[in-house]
Amino acid sequence: MTIPLRTVIAFGGGFLFWCVDDASPPRVLLQQAHEDALGVADGLLDPAVNARVVEQTRKGTNDDPVLVAHARRYGYAFVRDRYLPHIPLGFDPRLVVDPRAGSSFEARPRPHVMTAERVVLAKMGALGRVEHVLSLAAR
């Protein structure tokens, strides 16, 4: 599958994301896969860890009710309507995004096409690191 990438943005605590073009048909497929994955993982949260996630989401988003509710239910705030398909490019703490002031990094159009040949289901850890590959599917 080819997936068109569009813009590089700074996100959250200084992450750089290369975002999938919102108007592309693959974006719809990625959203559906995201929704399916949420259903598979629903109810599998560690309550103690998730309480810290919810508290950090409150602080980091000025208590945004939708994001806090997402964090409470799914263990992560940026899901469902707030999901943003992307390729993580890197991390730079100088690019921290303040919800009130924005980021020092200006979003930049960088059109490109990515080809996906495999899908990996992985357990993710701190800062988006893969802790363990659960399954690997080739097309």
N, C-alpha and C. Protein backbone atom coordinates (compact mmCIF):
# COMPACT_ATOMS: atom_id res chain seq x y z
N MET A 1 0.84 -1.17 0.00
CA MET A 1 0.00 0.00 0.00
C MET A 1 0.89 1.24 0.00
N THR A 2 0.54 2.20 -0.80
CA THR A 2 1.24 3.47 -0.77
C THR A 2 0.43 4.46 0.06
N ILE A 3 1.14 5.22 0.86
CA ILE A 3 0.50 6.16 1.78
C ILE A 3 1.13 7.53 1.57
N PRO A 4 0.35 8.52 1.13
CA PRO A 4 0.92 9.85 0.92
C PRO A 4 1.14 10.58 2.25
N LEU A 5 2.34 11.10 2.41
CA LEU A 5 2.68 11.93 3.56
C LEU A 5 2.64 13.38 3.11
N ARG A 6 2.29 14.26 4.03
CA ARG A 6 2.11 15.64 3.63
C ARG A 6 2.99 16.62 4.42
N THR A 7 2.75 16.78 5.72
CA THR A 7 3.35 17.87 6.48
C THR A 7 4.14 17.34 7.67
N VAL A 8 5.26 18.01 7.97
CA VAL A 8 6.05 17.72 9.17
C VAL A 8 5.64 18.75 10.22
N ILE A 9 5.25 18.23 11.41
CA ILE A 9 4.81 19.11 12.50
C ILE A 9 5.55 18.76 13.79
N ALA A 10 5.58 19.71 14.72
CA ALA A 10 6.04 19.44 16.08
C ALA A 10 4.80 19.08 16.89
N PHE A 11 4.97 18.12 17.80
CA PHE A 11 3.83 17.63 18.55
C PHE A 11 4.24 17.37 19.99
N GLY A 12 3.38 17.74 20.92
CA GLY A 12 3.57 17.40 22.32
C GLY A 12 4.89 17.88 22.89
N GLY A 13 5.60 16.97 23.52
CA GLY A 13 6.82 17.31 24.23
C GLY A 13 8.05 17.42 23.36
N GLY A 14 7.93 17.74 22.09
CA GLY A 14 9.07 17.96 21.23
C GLY A 14 9.26 16.92 20.14
N PHE A 15 8.24 16.15 19.85
CA PHE A 15 8.32 15.13 18.81
C PHE A 15 8.08 15.75 17.44
N LEU A 16 8.77 15.25 16.43
CA LEU A 16 8.52 15.65 15.05
C LEU A 16 7.78 14.52 14.36
N PHE A 17 6.64 14.83 13.77
CA PHE A 17 5.80 13.85 13.08
C PHE A 17 5.68 14.22 11.62
N TRP A 18 5.76 13.22 10.74
CA TRP A 18 5.46 13.39 9.33
C TRP A 18 4.07 12.81 9.14
N CYS A 19 3.10 13.65 8.88
CA CYS A 19 1.69 13.27 8.91
C CYS A 19 1.16 12.76 7.57
N VAL A 20 0.28 11.79 7.65
CA VAL A 20 -0.40 11.26 6.47
C VAL A 20 -1.35 12.34 5.95
N ASP A 21 -1.43 12.45 4.65
CA ASP A 21 -2.33 13.41 4.01
C ASP A 21 -3.77 13.10 4.41
N ASP A 22 -4.44 14.05 5.05
CA ASP A 22 -5.82 13.84 5.53
C ASP A 22 -6.81 13.53 4.42
N ALA A 23 -6.55 14.03 3.21
CA ALA A 23 -7.51 13.86 2.11
C ALA A 23 -7.30 12.57 1.34
N SER A 24 -6.35 11.74 1.73
CA SER A 24 -6.03 10.53 0.96
C SER A 24 -6.89 9.33 1.38
N PRO A 25 -7.24 8.45 0.44
CA PRO A 25 -7.98 7.23 0.79
C PRO A 25 -7.27 6.35 1.83
N PRO A 26 -5.92 6.23 1.81
CA PRO A 26 -5.28 5.43 2.86
C PRO A 26 -5.52 5.98 4.26
N ARG A 27 -5.76 7.28 4.37
CA ARG A 27 -6.04 7.89 5.69
C ARG A 27 -7.29 7.24 6.30
N VAL A 28 -8.29 6.99 5.47
CA VAL A 28 -9.52 6.35 5.95
C VAL A 28 -9.23 4.94 6.44
N LEU A 29 -8.40 4.20 5.70
CA LEU A 29 -8.03 2.84 6.11
C LEU A 29 -7.25 2.84 7.41
N LEU A 30 -6.35 3.79 7.57
CA LEU A 30 -5.57 3.89 8.80
C LEU A 30 -6.47 4.22 9.99
N GLN A 31 -7.45 5.10 9.77
CA GLN A 31 -8.39 5.43 10.85
C GLN A 31 -9.17 4.19 11.26
N GLN A 32 -9.61 3.39 10.30
CA GLN A 32 -10.35 2.16 10.62
C GLN A 32 -9.48 1.17 11.38
N ALA A 33 -8.23 1.02 10.97
CA ALA A 33 -7.31 0.13 11.69
C ALA A 33 -7.10 0.63 13.12
N HIS A 34 -7.00 1.92 13.28
CA HIS A 34 -6.86 2.53 14.60
C HIS A 34 -8.07 2.19 15.47
N GLU A 35 -9.27 2.36 14.93
CA GLU A 35 -10.50 2.06 15.68
C GLU A 35 -10.55 0.58 16.05
N ASP A 36 -10.16 -0.31 15.12
CA ASP A 36 -10.13 -1.74 15.41
C ASP A 36 -9.16 -2.06 16.53
N ALA A 37 -7.99 -1.43 16.51
CA ALA A 37 -6.98 -1.67 17.55
C ALA A 37 -7.48 -1.21 18.91
N LEU A 38 -8.20 -0.09 18.96
CA LEU A 38 -8.76 0.37 20.23
C LEU A 38 -9.72 -0.67 20.82
N GLY A 39 -10.50 -1.29 19.95
CA GLY A 39 -11.43 -2.32 20.42
C GLY A 39 -10.71 -3.53 20.97
N VAL A 40 -9.61 -3.92 20.36
CA VAL A 40 -8.84 -5.07 20.83
C VAL A 40 -8.21 -4.78 22.19
N ALA A 41 -7.73 -3.56 22.39
CA ALA A 41 -7.01 -3.21 23.62
C ALA A 41 -7.92 -2.73 24.74
N ASP A 42 -9.19 -2.49 24.47
CA ASP A 42 -10.11 -1.94 25.46
C ASP A 42 -10.14 -2.81 26.72
N GLY A 43 -9.94 -2.17 27.86
CA GLY A 43 -10.01 -2.88 29.14
C GLY A 43 -8.70 -3.50 29.59
N LEU A 44 -7.61 -3.28 28.88
CA LEU A 44 -6.33 -3.92 29.23
C LEU A 44 -5.37 -2.98 29.94
N LEU A 45 -5.85 -1.93 30.56
CA LEU A 45 -4.98 -0.94 31.18
C LEU A 45 -4.62 -1.31 32.61
N ASP A 46 -3.41 -1.01 33.00
CA ASP A 46 -2.97 -1.12 34.38
C ASP A 46 -3.51 0.11 35.12
N PRO A 47 -4.38 -0.07 36.12
CA PRO A 47 -5.02 1.08 36.77
C PRO A 47 -4.04 2.08 37.40
N ALA A 48 -2.97 1.60 38.01
CA ALA A 48 -2.02 2.51 38.65
C ALA A 48 -1.27 3.34 37.61
N VAL A 49 -0.82 2.69 36.56
CA VAL A 49 -0.12 3.40 35.49
C VAL A 49 -1.07 4.38 34.82
N ASN A 50 -2.28 3.93 34.56
CA ASN A 50 -3.23 4.80 33.85
C ASN A 50 -3.61 6.02 34.67
N ALA A 51 -3.66 5.90 35.98
CA ALA A 51 -3.96 7.07 36.83
C ALA A 51 -2.91 8.15 36.61
N ARG A 52 -1.64 7.76 36.46
CA ARG A 52 -0.58 8.73 36.20
C ARG A 52 -0.73 9.33 34.80
N VAL A 53 -1.12 8.51 33.83
CA VAL A 53 -1.34 9.00 32.46
C VAL A 53 -2.45 10.05 32.47
N VAL A 54 -3.54 9.76 33.16
CA VAL A 54 -4.67 10.69 33.22
C VAL A 54 -4.23 12.01 33.86
N GLU A 55 -3.48 11.92 34.95
CA GLU A 55 -3.03 13.14 35.63
C GLU A 55 -2.11 13.97 34.73
N GLN A 56 -1.18 13.31 34.04
CA GLN A 56 -0.29 14.04 33.14
C GLN A 56 -1.06 14.63 31.96
N THR A 57 -2.09 13.93 31.50
CA THR A 57 -2.92 14.46 30.41
C THR A 57 -3.65 15.71 30.89
N ARG A 58 -4.17 15.68 32.11
CA ARG A 58 -4.83 16.87 32.67
C ARG A 58 -3.89 18.07 32.65
N LYS A 59 -2.68 17.84 33.16
CA LYS A 59 -1.69 18.93 33.25
C LYS A 59 -1.26 19.40 31.87
N GLY A 60 -0.98 18.49 30.97
CA GLY A 60 -0.42 18.82 29.67
C GLY A 60 -1.40 19.38 28.66
N THR A 61 -2.71 19.23 28.94
CA THR A 61 -3.72 19.70 27.97
C THR A 61 -4.67 20.73 28.56
N ASN A 62 -4.27 21.32 29.70
CA ASN A 62 -5.15 22.28 30.38
C ASN A 62 -6.51 21.67 30.69
N ASP A 63 -6.49 20.39 31.09
CA ASP A 63 -7.70 19.66 31.50
C ASP A 63 -8.75 19.57 30.39
N ASP A 64 -8.28 19.38 29.16
CA ASP A 64 -9.19 19.21 28.02
C ASP A 64 -10.09 18.00 28.30
N PRO A 65 -11.42 18.19 28.36
CA PRO A 65 -12.29 17.09 28.77
C PRO A 65 -12.27 15.88 27.83
N VAL A 66 -12.14 16.11 26.53
CA VAL A 66 -12.11 15.00 25.58
C VAL A 66 -10.81 14.21 25.72
N LEU A 67 -9.69 14.92 25.80
CA LEU A 67 -8.40 14.24 25.91
C LEU A 67 -8.26 13.50 27.24
N VAL A 68 -8.75 14.08 28.31
CA VAL A 68 -8.70 13.41 29.62
C VAL A 68 -9.58 12.16 29.60
N ALA A 69 -10.75 12.25 28.99
CA ALA A 69 -11.64 11.07 28.88
C ALA A 69 -10.98 9.97 28.05
N HIS A 70 -10.33 10.35 26.95
CA HIS A 70 -9.61 9.36 26.14
C HIS A 70 -8.51 8.70 26.95
N ALA A 71 -7.73 9.50 27.68
CA ALA A 71 -6.64 8.95 28.50
C ALA A 71 -7.19 7.99 29.55
N ARG A 72 -8.29 8.36 30.15
CA ARG A 72 -8.90 7.51 31.19
C ARG A 72 -9.34 6.17 30.59
N ARG A 73 -9.97 6.20 29.44
CA ARG A 73 -10.50 4.96 28.86
C ARG A 73 -9.46 4.14 28.10
N TYR A 74 -8.59 4.82 27.33
CA TYR A 74 -7.69 4.10 26.42
C TYR A 74 -6.23 4.12 26.84
N GLY A 75 -5.87 4.93 27.84
CA GLY A 75 -4.48 5.01 28.26
C GLY A 75 -3.65 5.97 27.44
N TYR A 76 -4.30 6.68 26.54
CA TYR A 76 -3.62 7.65 25.68
C TYR A 76 -4.67 8.66 25.22
N ALA A 77 -4.29 9.92 25.15
CA ALA A 77 -5.25 10.97 24.84
C ALA A 77 -5.59 11.10 23.36
N PHE A 78 -4.61 10.89 22.51
CA PHE A 78 -4.79 11.24 21.10
C PHE A 78 -5.28 10.03 20.29
N VAL A 79 -6.52 9.66 20.57
CA VAL A 79 -7.18 8.55 19.90
C VAL A 79 -8.51 9.04 19.32
N ARG A 80 -9.16 8.14 18.58
CA ARG A 80 -10.45 8.42 17.93
C ARG A 80 -10.37 9.69 17.09
N ASP A 81 -11.15 10.71 17.40
CA ASP A 81 -11.18 11.93 16.59
C ASP A 81 -9.89 12.74 16.71
N ARG A 82 -9.07 12.45 17.71
CA ARG A 82 -7.80 13.17 17.90
C ARG A 82 -6.60 12.37 17.37
N TYR A 83 -6.87 11.24 16.72
CA TYR A 83 -5.81 10.40 16.16
C TYR A 83 -5.17 11.09 14.96
N LEU A 84 -3.87 11.01 14.86
CA LEU A 84 -3.13 11.66 13.78
C LEU A 84 -2.12 10.65 13.22
N PRO A 85 -2.48 9.95 12.13
CA PRO A 85 -1.53 8.99 11.55
C PRO A 85 -0.25 9.70 11.10
N HIS A 86 0.89 9.11 11.45
CA HIS A 86 2.16 9.78 11.21
C HIS A 86 3.32 8.79 11.26
N ILE A 87 4.47 9.28 10.83
CA ILE A 87 5.74 8.60 11.05
C ILE A 87 6.51 9.48 12.03
N PRO A 88 6.92 8.94 13.18
CA PRO A 88 7.74 9.75 14.09
C PRO A 88 9.13 9.94 13.48
N LEU A 89 9.59 11.18 13.41
CA LEU A 89 10.89 11.47 12.82
C LEU A 89 11.98 11.66 13.87
N GLY A 90 11.59 12.10 15.04
CA GLY A 90 12.59 12.33 16.07
C GLY A 90 12.03 13.13 17.23
N PHE A 91 12.92 13.47 18.15
CA PHE A 91 12.55 14.18 19.36
C PHE A 91 13.57 15.26 19.63
N ASP A 92 13.10 16.45 19.96
CA ASP A 92 13.96 17.55 20.34
C ASP A 92 13.24 18.34 21.43
N PRO A 93 13.72 18.31 22.68
CA PRO A 93 13.01 18.99 23.77
C PRO A 93 12.89 20.50 23.56
N ARG A 94 13.70 21.06 22.66
CA ARG A 94 13.58 22.50 22.38
C ARG A 94 12.29 22.81 21.62
N LEU A 95 11.63 21.78 21.09
CA LEU A 95 10.41 21.98 20.30
C LEU A 95 9.14 21.76 21.11
N VAL A 96 9.24 21.76 22.43
CA VAL A 96 8.08 21.51 23.28
C VAL A 96 6.93 22.41 22.85
N VAL A 97 5.77 21.80 22.71
CA VAL A 97 4.58 22.54 22.29
C VAL A 97 3.80 22.96 23.53
N ASP A 98 3.63 24.24 23.70
CA ASP A 98 2.82 24.80 24.78
C ASP A 98 1.43 25.03 24.21
N PRO A 99 0.37 24.44 24.81
CA PRO A 99 -0.98 24.61 24.26
C PRO A 99 -1.39 26.07 24.10
N ARG A 100 -0.80 26.96 24.90
CA ARG A 100 -1.16 28.38 24.80
C ARG A 100 -0.27 29.13 23.81
N ALA A 101 1.02 28.79 23.75
CA ALA A 101 1.96 29.56 22.95
C ALA A 101 2.35 28.89 21.64
N GLY A 102 2.06 27.60 21.49
CA GLY A 102 2.44 26.90 20.28
C GLY A 102 3.87 26.40 20.36
N SER A 103 4.48 26.17 19.22
CA SER A 103 5.83 25.63 19.15
C SER A 103 6.72 26.57 18.36
N SER A 104 8.02 26.45 18.61
CA SER A 104 8.98 27.24 17.83
C SER A 104 9.17 26.64 16.44
N PHE A 105 8.66 25.44 16.22
CA PHE A 105 8.79 24.77 14.93
C PHE A 105 7.57 25.06 14.08
N GLU A 106 7.79 25.58 12.90
CA GLU A 106 6.68 25.87 12.00
C GLU A 106 6.40 24.65 11.12
N ALA A 107 5.12 24.24 11.03
CA ALA A 107 4.75 23.10 10.18
C ALA A 107 5.24 23.35 8.76
N ARG A 108 5.75 22.27 8.13
CA ARG A 108 6.33 22.41 6.79
C ARG A 108 5.77 21.36 5.86
N PRO A 109 5.24 21.77 4.72
CA PRO A 109 4.82 20.77 3.73
C PRO A 109 6.04 20.03 3.19
N ARG A 110 6.00 18.72 3.22
CA ARG A 110 7.06 17.86 2.68
C ARG A 110 6.40 16.66 2.01
N PRO A 111 5.74 16.87 0.87
CA PRO A 111 5.04 15.76 0.22
C PRO A 111 5.97 14.60 -0.12
N HIS A 112 5.50 13.41 0.14
CA HIS A 112 6.27 12.19 -0.11
C HIS A 112 5.29 11.02 -0.11
N VAL A 113 5.68 9.91 -0.69
CA VAL A 113 4.84 8.71 -0.67
C VAL A 113 5.62 7.59 0.01
N MET A 114 5.00 6.99 1.02
CA MET A 114 5.58 5.88 1.75
C MET A 114 4.93 4.59 1.25
N THR A 115 5.70 3.52 1.16
CA THR A 115 5.14 2.21 0.81
C THR A 115 5.19 1.32 2.03
N ALA A 116 4.03 0.79 2.43
CA ALA A 116 3.95 -0.13 3.58
C ALA A 116 3.88 -1.55 3.04
N GLU A 117 4.81 -2.39 3.47
CA GLU A 117 4.84 -3.77 3.03
C GLU A 117 4.49 -4.75 4.14
N ARG A 118 4.61 -4.34 5.40
CA ARG A 118 4.31 -5.19 6.53
C ARG A 118 3.57 -4.41 7.60
N VAL A 119 2.81 -5.13 8.39
CA VAL A 119 2.13 -4.55 9.54
C VAL A 119 2.67 -5.24 10.78
N VAL A 120 3.02 -4.46 11.78
CA VAL A 120 3.58 -5.01 13.01
C VAL A 120 2.68 -4.60 14.17
N LEU A 121 2.32 -5.56 15.00
CA LEU A 121 1.61 -5.29 16.24
C LEU A 121 2.66 -5.37 17.33
N ALA A 122 2.86 -4.26 18.05
CA ALA A 122 3.94 -4.20 19.03
C ALA A 122 3.45 -3.59 20.34
N LYS A 123 4.08 -4.00 21.42
CA LYS A 123 3.85 -3.37 22.72
C LYS A 123 4.76 -2.15 22.78
N MET A 124 4.17 -0.99 23.03
CA MET A 124 4.93 0.25 23.03
C MET A 124 5.30 0.64 24.46
N GLY A 125 6.46 1.25 24.61
CA GLY A 125 6.93 1.71 25.91
C GLY A 125 7.08 3.21 25.94
N ALA A 126 7.91 3.66 26.87
CA ALA A 126 8.15 5.09 27.06
C ALA A 126 8.66 5.73 25.78
N LEU A 127 8.20 6.95 25.52
CA LEU A 127 8.59 7.74 24.35
C LEU A 127 8.37 7.02 23.04
N GLY A 128 7.38 6.12 23.00
CA GLY A 128 7.03 5.44 21.76
C GLY A 128 8.00 4.34 21.35
N ARG A 129 8.82 3.88 22.27
CA ARG A 129 9.76 2.79 21.95
C ARG A 129 9.03 1.46 21.88
N VAL A 130 9.43 0.63 20.94
CA VAL A 130 8.87 -0.72 20.83
C VAL A 130 9.53 -1.59 21.89
N GLU A 131 8.72 -2.14 22.80
CA GLU A 131 9.24 -3.03 23.83
C GLU A 131 9.28 -4.48 23.37
N HIS A 132 8.26 -4.85 22.58
CA HIS A 132 8.17 -6.24 22.17
C HIS A 132 7.28 -6.34 20.92
N VAL A 133 7.74 -7.06 19.91
CA VAL A 133 6.93 -7.30 18.72
C VAL A 133 6.04 -8.52 18.99
N LEU A 134 4.72 -8.31 18.91
CA LEU A 134 3.76 -9.37 19.18
C LEU A 134 3.45 -10.20 17.95
N SER A 135 3.34 -9.55 16.79
CA SER A 135 3.13 -10.28 15.56
C SER A 135 3.57 -9.42 14.36
N LEU A 136 3.88 -10.11 13.30
CA LEU A 136 4.37 -9.45 12.09
C LEU A 136 3.63 -10.08 10.92
N ALA A 137 3.02 -9.26 10.10
CA ALA A 137 2.28 -9.77 8.94
C ALA A 137 2.82 -9.15 7.66
N ALA A 138 3.17 -9.97 6.71
CA ALA A 138 3.59 -9.48 5.39
C ALA A 138 2.41 -9.52 4.46
N ARG A 139 2.47 -8.69 3.44
CA ARG A 139 1.30 -8.67 2.52
C ARG A 139 1.38 -9.80 1.53
